[in-house]
Amino acid sequence: MNKTKVAIVFGGRSTEHRISLLSAKNIIEAIDRSRFEPILIGIDQEGIWHYQGDQLQLLHDTNAHRIEITQTNHPILFSQNADQRLILSQKTLTQLSKVDVIFPVLHGIFGEDGSIQGLAKMANIPCVGCGILGSAVGMDKDITKRLLRDAGIAVADFITLRQGYNDHLGFSFVAEHLGTELFLKPANLGSSVGVSYVDNAEDYKIALERAFRYDPKVIVEEKIVGRELECAVLGNQDPKASIVGEVIPKSIWYSFENKYIDDDGARVEIPAQITEAQSLHIRQQAIEVFRLLECSGMARIDFFMQNNGKLIVNEINTIPGFTNISMYPKLWKKSGLDYQELISRLIDLAIEEHQKYELRFDNSSKTVL
């Protein structure tokens, strides 16, 4: 049987580069090699794409603060011929491999924001996960919140600040509208990078400067008191939701260290200790959010549930973490889909979605005079 050639692309120029490496390491170790032939492509922090064949090459691969790509000095290009799907050596332009599907493990900008999804579409290669629109919408917290709010789905109250436009708005103005306890977040980052919790004017100024270092658009949110619940979604036209899990951080909020460094930084309960009715509501809401934001393949939707039972959408992750403590694979494992089966299903979904797109394209591409 011919194996499907899967280009697993990881690293990238994002501030979430190292998290991408941790996620990719797990995926590469778990992929079903009886069905798939992995082709490993590491993007360094300068944006150079390195061909690694089928053996992952990393330095400090157990240390989330130090892990890095071993540069193989073998930069590559994708063929411009959309029917061939070839990886070429940048040095010699000789063929290194064909590609049947791209599996992007690129958290944050230049990967989770529609960038690589657009490259895959131009190259006529199936791509795991959401398409261009769903990825771009899910990446931008401001746009996500506006679309959900307009659809009648509850989100935390927020103010969007843009550098050079309304970044002069100070703590007193924001606190008058949102309260004195606030979260500041770069609009287009994840993994809690650049996020700060503040409750006074001095810390607000420092946090705002910090957030603007990462993004010219910053979201200021009211603090929501509630349980942090997460649900994984998988599928294309008929998405399914996993059981619901709960994250119980030991600090005031679920920080980068809680998520990726400190195994004891947060307690995770899967399934969450909630009623059947609450679980059903969250799972239905997760699927609704998935559809409203034009998602496909996969996403993790994070909620707050307040003491009165009100559900508030916190955020969506269209390329959720796949580290050994990440919620997306854990939720599916507890739902009956193990890690290897999950990876296989994601690849199959990408190929199915691409085939449907190609059929629609063929049916609509006739020239009209």
Protein backbone atom coordinates (compact mmCIF):
# COMPACT_ATOMS: atom_id res chain seq x y z
CA MET A 1 0.00 0.00 0.00
CA ASN A 2 1.31 3.44 -0.93
CA LYS A 3 1.64 5.55 2.17
CA THR A 4 0.26 9.09 2.29
CA LYS A 5 3.14 11.54 2.40
CA VAL A 6 2.47 14.02 5.21
CA ALA A 7 4.59 17.17 5.40
CA ILE A 8 4.64 18.05 9.10
CA VAL A 9 5.63 21.71 9.26
CA PHE A 10 6.72 23.10 12.62
CA GLY A 11 8.63 25.90 14.33
CA GLY A 12 8.06 29.18 12.51
CA ARG A 13 8.71 32.85 13.21
CA SER A 14 6.02 33.22 15.88
CA THR A 15 6.73 33.87 19.55
CA GLU A 16 5.12 30.44 20.04
CA HIS A 17 7.96 28.79 18.11
CA ARG A 18 9.07 26.53 20.96
CA ILE A 19 5.53 25.37 21.77
CA SER A 20 5.23 24.37 18.13
CA LEU A 21 8.34 22.20 18.48
CA LEU A 22 6.95 20.46 21.56
CA SER A 23 3.64 19.80 19.79
CA ALA A 24 5.35 18.53 16.63
CA LYS A 25 7.55 16.16 18.61
CA ASN A 26 4.49 14.42 20.04
CA ILE A 27 2.69 14.24 16.69
CA ILE A 28 5.75 12.81 14.92
CA GLU A 29 6.23 10.18 17.61
CA ALA A 30 2.56 9.14 17.49
CA ILE A 31 1.71 9.23 13.76
CA ASP A 32 0.67 5.88 12.27
CA ARG A 33 3.66 5.00 10.09
CA SER A 34 1.84 2.02 8.61
CA ARG A 35 -0.44 4.53 6.81
CA PHE A 36 1.60 7.72 6.63
CA GLU A 37 5.12 8.69 5.65
CA PRO A 38 6.09 11.81 7.60
CA ILE A 39 8.20 14.42 5.84
CA LEU A 40 9.57 16.78 8.46
CA ILE A 41 10.05 20.45 7.71
CA GLY A 42 11.33 22.72 10.46
CA ILE A 43 11.06 26.49 10.06
CA ASP A 44 13.66 28.35 12.07
CA GLN A 45 13.03 31.72 13.71
CA GLU A 46 14.52 33.51 10.71
CA GLY A 47 11.86 31.94 8.50
CA ILE A 48 14.12 29.44 6.67
CA TRP A 49 12.50 26.07 5.91
CA HIS A 50 14.78 23.09 6.71
CA TYR A 51 14.20 19.60 5.32
CA GLN A 52 14.70 16.91 7.98
CA GLY A 53 13.55 13.80 6.12
CA ASP A 54 11.62 11.45 8.40
CA GLN A 55 13.71 11.82 11.57
CA LEU A 56 13.09 14.77 13.88
CA GLN A 57 16.20 16.71 14.80
CA LEU A 58 15.88 18.98 17.84
CA LEU A 59 18.16 20.29 20.56
CA HIS A 60 17.07 20.34 24.24
CA ASP A 61 13.84 18.59 23.26
CA THR A 62 12.58 18.18 26.85
CA ASN A 63 13.09 21.81 27.87
CA ALA A 64 10.29 24.17 26.78
CA HIS A 65 12.52 27.23 27.32
CA ARG A 66 15.53 25.93 25.34
CA ILE A 67 14.16 23.55 22.69
CA GLU A 68 15.26 24.48 19.17
CA ILE A 69 15.51 23.13 15.64
CA THR A 70 18.72 21.50 14.54
CA GLN A 71 19.41 23.41 11.35
CA THR A 72 20.17 20.82 8.70
CA ASN A 73 21.47 23.43 6.25
CA HIS A 74 19.06 21.96 3.71
CA PRO A 75 16.64 24.81 2.83
CA ILE A 76 13.73 23.88 0.60
CA LEU A 77 11.12 25.25 -1.79
CA PHE A 78 7.67 24.01 -2.77
CA SER A 79 7.24 23.40 -6.49
CA GLN A 80 5.24 26.07 -8.29
CA ASN A 81 3.48 23.33 -10.29
CA ALA A 82 0.25 22.74 -8.38
CA ASP A 83 -0.24 19.29 -9.94
CA GLN A 84 3.10 17.90 -8.79
CA ARG A 85 3.22 18.83 -5.09
CA LEU A 86 6.99 18.58 -4.86
CA ILE A 87 9.53 19.66 -2.27
CA LEU A 88 12.69 20.90 -3.96
CA SER A 89 16.16 21.59 -2.64
CA GLN A 90 16.72 25.34 -2.65
CA LYS A 91 20.38 24.79 -3.46
CA THR A 92 20.12 22.34 -6.38
CA LEU A 93 16.38 22.52 -7.29
CA THR A 94 16.35 18.72 -7.30
CA GLN A 95 13.31 16.83 -6.03
CA LEU A 96 13.46 15.72 -2.40
CA SER A 97 9.96 14.35 -1.99
CA LYS A 98 6.36 14.60 -3.05
CA VAL A 99 3.69 15.84 -0.65
CA ASP A 100 0.13 14.56 -0.34
CA VAL A 101 -0.99 16.68 2.62
CA ILE A 102 0.45 19.39 4.87
CA PHE A 103 0.05 19.07 8.64
CA PRO A 104 0.87 22.53 10.05
CA VAL A 105 1.94 22.52 13.68
CA LEU A 106 2.54 26.27 13.69
CA HIS A 107 1.02 28.10 16.64
CA GLY A 108 0.46 31.84 16.35
CA ILE A 109 1.22 34.17 13.45
CA PHE A 110 2.73 32.85 10.20
CA GLY A 111 0.88 29.58 10.67
CA GLU A 112 -2.31 29.67 12.70
CA ASP A 113 -3.45 32.91 11.05
CA GLY A 114 -4.17 31.59 7.55
CA SER A 115 -0.65 32.06 6.18
CA ILE A 116 0.32 28.45 5.55
CA GLN A 117 -3.27 27.60 4.72
CA GLY A 118 -3.06 30.08 1.85
CA LEU A 119 0.25 28.62 0.70
CA ALA A 120 -1.28 25.13 0.70
CA LYS A 121 -4.29 26.31 -1.29
CA MET A 122 -2.10 27.99 -3.90
CA ALA A 123 0.01 24.83 -4.14
CA ASN A 124 -3.14 22.66 -4.39
CA ILE A 125 -2.17 20.60 -1.33
CA PRO A 126 -4.66 19.44 1.34
CA CYS A 127 -3.96 21.07 4.69
CA VAL A 128 -4.92 19.78 8.14
CA GLY A 129 -7.21 22.04 10.15
CA CYS A 130 -9.12 25.20 9.37
CA GLY A 131 -8.89 26.98 6.03
CA ILE A 132 -7.74 30.53 5.37
CA LEU A 133 -10.83 32.35 6.65
CA GLY A 134 -11.42 30.23 9.75
CA SER A 135 -7.75 30.44 10.69
CA ALA A 136 -7.55 34.22 10.22
CA VAL A 137 -10.78 34.87 12.12
CA GLY A 138 -9.86 32.53 14.96
CA MET A 139 -6.43 34.10 15.33
CA ASP A 140 -7.67 37.66 15.78
CA LYS A 141 -9.34 37.96 19.19
CA ASP A 142 -10.97 41.26 18.26
CA ILE A 143 -12.64 39.85 15.13
CA THR A 144 -13.59 36.62 16.92
CA LYS A 145 -15.33 38.53 19.68
CA ARG A 146 -17.17 40.84 17.29
CA LEU A 147 -18.51 37.96 15.19
CA LEU A 148 -19.63 35.96 18.22
CA ARG A 149 -21.18 39.00 19.88
CA ASP A 150 -23.12 39.85 16.71
CA ALA A 151 -24.40 36.26 16.60
CA GLY A 152 -25.75 36.58 20.14
CA ILE A 153 -23.06 34.47 21.83
CA ALA A 154 -21.77 35.88 25.11
CA VAL A 155 -18.15 37.05 25.28
CA ALA A 156 -16.29 39.06 27.92
CA ASP A 157 -16.76 42.82 27.56
CA PHE A 158 -13.71 44.32 25.89
CA ILE A 159 -12.13 47.41 24.39
CA THR A 160 -9.78 47.20 21.41
CA LEU A 161 -6.77 49.52 21.43
CA ARG A 162 -4.79 50.21 18.25
CA GLN A 163 -1.30 51.63 18.27
CA GLY A 164 -1.27 55.19 16.97
CA TYR A 165 -5.07 55.49 17.11
CA ASN A 166 -6.61 55.11 20.57
CA ASP A 167 -3.67 53.75 22.54
CA HIS A 168 -3.78 56.87 24.72
CA LEU A 169 -6.85 55.59 26.57
CA GLY A 170 -5.71 55.15 30.14
CA PHE A 171 -6.61 52.94 33.06
CA SER A 172 -9.31 55.24 34.43
CA PHE A 173 -11.21 55.31 31.11
CA VAL A 174 -10.99 51.54 30.60
CA ALA A 175 -11.82 50.76 34.25
CA GLU A 176 -14.95 52.92 34.04
CA HIS A 177 -16.26 50.63 31.30
CA LEU A 178 -14.79 47.25 32.25
CA GLY A 179 -13.97 47.38 35.95
CA THR A 180 -10.63 47.67 37.70
CA GLU A 181 -9.56 44.04 37.24
CA LEU A 182 -8.42 43.62 33.64
CA PHE A 183 -6.64 41.31 31.23
CA LEU A 184 -4.54 42.80 28.43
CA LYS A 185 -3.83 40.57 25.44
CA PRO A 186 -2.10 40.99 22.08
CA ALA A 187 -4.93 40.46 19.58
CA ASN A 188 -3.03 37.95 17.44
CA LEU A 189 -1.09 35.74 19.81
CA GLY A 190 -1.85 32.62 21.82
CA SER A 191 -0.33 30.43 24.54
CA SER A 192 -0.75 33.36 26.97
CA VAL A 193 2.27 35.11 25.42
CA GLY A 194 2.19 38.84 26.18
CA VAL A 195 -0.90 38.51 28.39
CA SER A 196 -1.08 40.42 31.68
CA TYR A 197 -3.51 40.71 34.57
CA VAL A 198 -3.67 44.18 36.15
CA ASP A 199 -5.71 46.02 38.76
CA ASN A 200 -4.05 49.44 38.91
CA ALA A 201 -2.92 52.27 36.65
CA GLU A 202 0.83 51.66 37.01
CA ASP A 203 0.62 47.97 36.08
CA TYR A 204 -1.83 48.79 33.29
CA LYS A 205 0.68 51.12 31.61
CA ILE A 206 3.46 48.51 31.84
CA ALA A 207 1.17 45.73 30.55
CA LEU A 208 -0.02 47.85 27.63
CA GLU A 209 3.53 48.62 26.55
CA ARG A 210 4.37 44.94 26.82
CA ALA A 211 1.37 43.82 24.76
CA PHE A 212 2.09 46.38 22.03
CA ARG A 213 5.57 44.90 21.63
CA TYR A 214 3.87 41.82 20.20
CA ASP A 215 0.97 43.30 18.24
CA PRO A 216 -0.22 46.77 17.14
CA LYS A 217 -3.70 45.77 18.31
CA VAL A 218 -4.41 44.93 21.95
CA ILE A 219 -7.56 43.61 23.61
CA VAL A 220 -8.44 44.84 27.10
CA GLU A 221 -10.99 42.54 28.74
CA GLU A 222 -12.98 42.59 31.92
CA LYS A 223 -12.06 39.89 34.41
CA ILE A 224 -14.59 37.06 34.35
CA VAL A 225 -15.03 35.05 37.53
CA GLY A 226 -15.98 31.53 36.58
CA ARG A 227 -14.86 27.99 35.94
CA GLU A 228 -12.55 27.48 32.94
CA LEU A 229 -14.07 24.81 30.72
CA GLU A 230 -12.75 23.53 27.40
CA CYS A 231 -14.23 21.49 24.59
CA ALA A 232 -12.52 20.02 21.51
CA VAL A 233 -14.26 19.94 18.13
CA LEU A 234 -13.38 17.64 15.25
CA GLY A 235 -14.88 17.42 11.76
CA ASN A 236 -15.83 19.33 8.64
CA GLN A 237 -19.50 19.69 7.62
CA ASP A 238 -20.65 17.46 10.50
CA PRO A 239 -18.37 18.37 13.42
CA LYS A 240 -18.41 16.46 16.71
CA ALA A 241 -17.61 17.76 20.17
CA SER A 242 -15.58 15.96 22.81
CA ILE A 243 -16.50 15.64 26.44
CA VAL A 244 -15.88 18.79 28.48
CA GLY A 245 -12.77 19.31 30.57
CA GLU A 246 -11.96 21.83 33.27
CA VAL A 247 -8.69 23.64 33.92
CA ILE A 248 -8.12 24.69 37.51
CA PRO A 249 -4.96 26.88 37.57
CA LYS A 250 -3.14 27.28 40.84
CA SER A 251 -2.31 30.90 40.09
CA ILE A 252 -4.78 33.71 39.40
CA TRP A 253 -4.92 32.79 35.71
CA TYR A 254 -3.81 30.09 33.24
CA SER A 255 -0.36 31.40 32.33
CA PHE A 256 2.30 30.18 29.87
CA GLU A 257 4.11 28.37 32.69
CA ASN A 258 0.88 26.65 33.80
CA LYS A 259 0.26 25.43 30.26
CA TYR A 260 3.69 24.26 29.15
CA ILE A 261 6.36 24.34 31.85
CA ASP A 262 4.95 23.38 35.23
CA ASP A 263 3.25 19.97 35.19
CA ASP A 264 1.79 20.90 38.57
CA GLY A 265 0.81 24.45 37.57
CA ALA A 266 -2.83 23.57 37.02
CA ARG A 267 -5.17 20.72 37.77
CA VAL A 268 -7.14 19.27 34.89
CA GLU A 269 -10.40 17.39 35.36
CA ILE A 270 -11.69 15.35 32.42
CA PRO A 271 -14.59 15.07 32.41
CA ALA A 272 -15.45 18.30 34.21
CA GLN A 273 -17.66 17.93 37.26
CA ILE A 274 -20.77 19.48 35.73
CA THR A 275 -24.30 18.29 35.07
CA GLU A 276 -25.32 16.41 31.92
CA ALA A 277 -27.42 19.40 30.87
CA GLN A 278 -24.48 21.78 31.29
CA SER A 279 -22.19 19.43 29.36
CA LEU A 280 -24.67 19.15 26.50
CA HIS A 281 -25.07 22.94 26.36
CA ILE A 282 -21.31 23.51 26.23
CA ARG A 283 -20.81 20.90 23.53
CA GLN A 284 -23.62 22.36 21.42
CA GLN A 285 -22.22 25.86 21.90
CA ALA A 286 -18.73 24.68 20.91
CA ILE A 287 -20.07 23.30 17.62
CA GLU A 288 -22.04 26.49 16.99
CA VAL A 289 -18.91 28.61 17.52
CA PHE A 290 -16.94 26.26 15.25
CA ARG A 291 -19.48 26.75 12.46
CA LEU A 292 -19.98 30.49 12.97
CA LEU A 293 -16.25 31.13 12.64
CA GLU A 294 -16.00 29.05 9.43
CA CYS A 295 -13.82 26.36 11.00
CA SER A 296 -13.01 22.92 9.67
CA GLY A 297 -10.88 20.02 10.80
CA MET A 298 -10.21 20.96 14.39
CA ALA A 299 -10.49 23.63 17.05
CA ARG A 300 -10.59 23.91 20.81
CA ILE A 301 -13.17 26.29 22.28
CA ASP A 302 -12.58 27.68 25.77
CA PHE A 303 -15.39 28.89 28.01
CA PHE A 304 -16.05 30.49 31.36
CA MET A 305 -19.06 29.25 33.30
CA GLN A 306 -20.19 31.71 35.95
CA ASN A 307 -21.84 30.76 39.24
CA ASN A 308 -25.29 31.45 37.80
CA GLY A 309 -24.60 29.00 34.96
CA LYS A 310 -24.07 31.65 32.28
CA LEU A 311 -21.65 30.51 29.60
CA ILE A 312 -19.11 32.95 28.12
CA VAL A 313 -16.79 32.11 25.23
CA ASN A 314 -13.22 33.02 26.10
CA GLU A 315 -11.38 32.09 22.89
CA ILE A 316 -10.90 29.59 20.08
CA ASN A 317 -7.69 27.82 19.10
CA THR A 318 -7.59 26.55 15.52
CA ILE A 319 -4.22 24.81 15.95
CA PRO A 320 -4.45 23.78 19.59
CA GLY A 321 -1.44 22.48 21.47
CA PHE A 322 -0.42 18.86 21.04
CA THR A 323 2.13 18.66 23.84
CA ASN A 324 1.97 15.86 26.40
CA ILE A 325 -0.12 18.06 28.72
CA SER A 326 -2.30 19.74 26.07
CA MET A 327 -6.06 19.64 26.45
CA TYR A 328 -7.09 18.94 22.84
CA PRO A 329 -5.65 15.42 22.58
CA LYS A 330 -6.49 14.71 26.23
CA LEU A 331 -10.16 15.57 25.67
CA TRP A 332 -10.39 13.28 22.64
CA LYS A 333 -8.58 10.45 24.42
CA LYS A 334 -11.14 10.60 27.23
CA SER A 335 -13.85 10.70 24.55
CA GLY A 336 -12.62 7.42 23.08
CA LEU A 337 -10.25 8.61 20.33
CA ASP A 338 -6.61 7.95 21.14
CA TYR A 339 -3.70 10.15 20.06
CA GLN A 340 -2.73 8.13 16.98
CA GLU A 341 -6.34 7.78 15.80
CA LEU A 342 -6.85 11.51 16.29
CA ILE A 343 -3.88 12.36 14.07
CA SER A 344 -5.10 9.92 11.40
CA ARG A 345 -8.59 11.39 11.50
CA LEU A 346 -7.27 14.94 11.11
CA ILE A 347 -5.27 13.94 8.02
CA ASP A 348 -8.28 12.12 6.53
CA LEU A 349 -10.49 15.17 7.14
CA ALA A 350 -7.99 17.43 5.36
CA ILE A 351 -7.97 15.19 2.30
CA GLU A 352 -11.79 14.92 2.31
CA GLU A 353 -12.22 18.70 2.53
CA HIS A 354 -9.71 19.28 -0.27
CA GLN A 355 -11.47 16.79 -2.55
CA LYS A 356 -14.80 18.54 -1.97
CA TYR A 357 -13.20 21.91 -2.71
CA GLU A 358 -11.68 20.58 -5.92
CA LEU A 359 -15.07 19.26 -7.01
CA ARG A 360 -16.73 22.62 -6.31
CA PHE A 361 -13.92 24.40 -8.14
CA ASP A 362 -14.24 22.13 -11.18
CA ASN A 363 -17.99 22.75 -11.30
CA SER A 364 -17.67 26.53 -11.10
CA SER A 365 -14.55 27.26 -13.12
CA LYS A 366 -16.04 27.14 -16.60
CA THR A 367 -15.51 30.41 -18.44
CA VAL A 368 -18.69 32.42 -18.87
CA LEU A 369 -18.76 34.69 -21.93
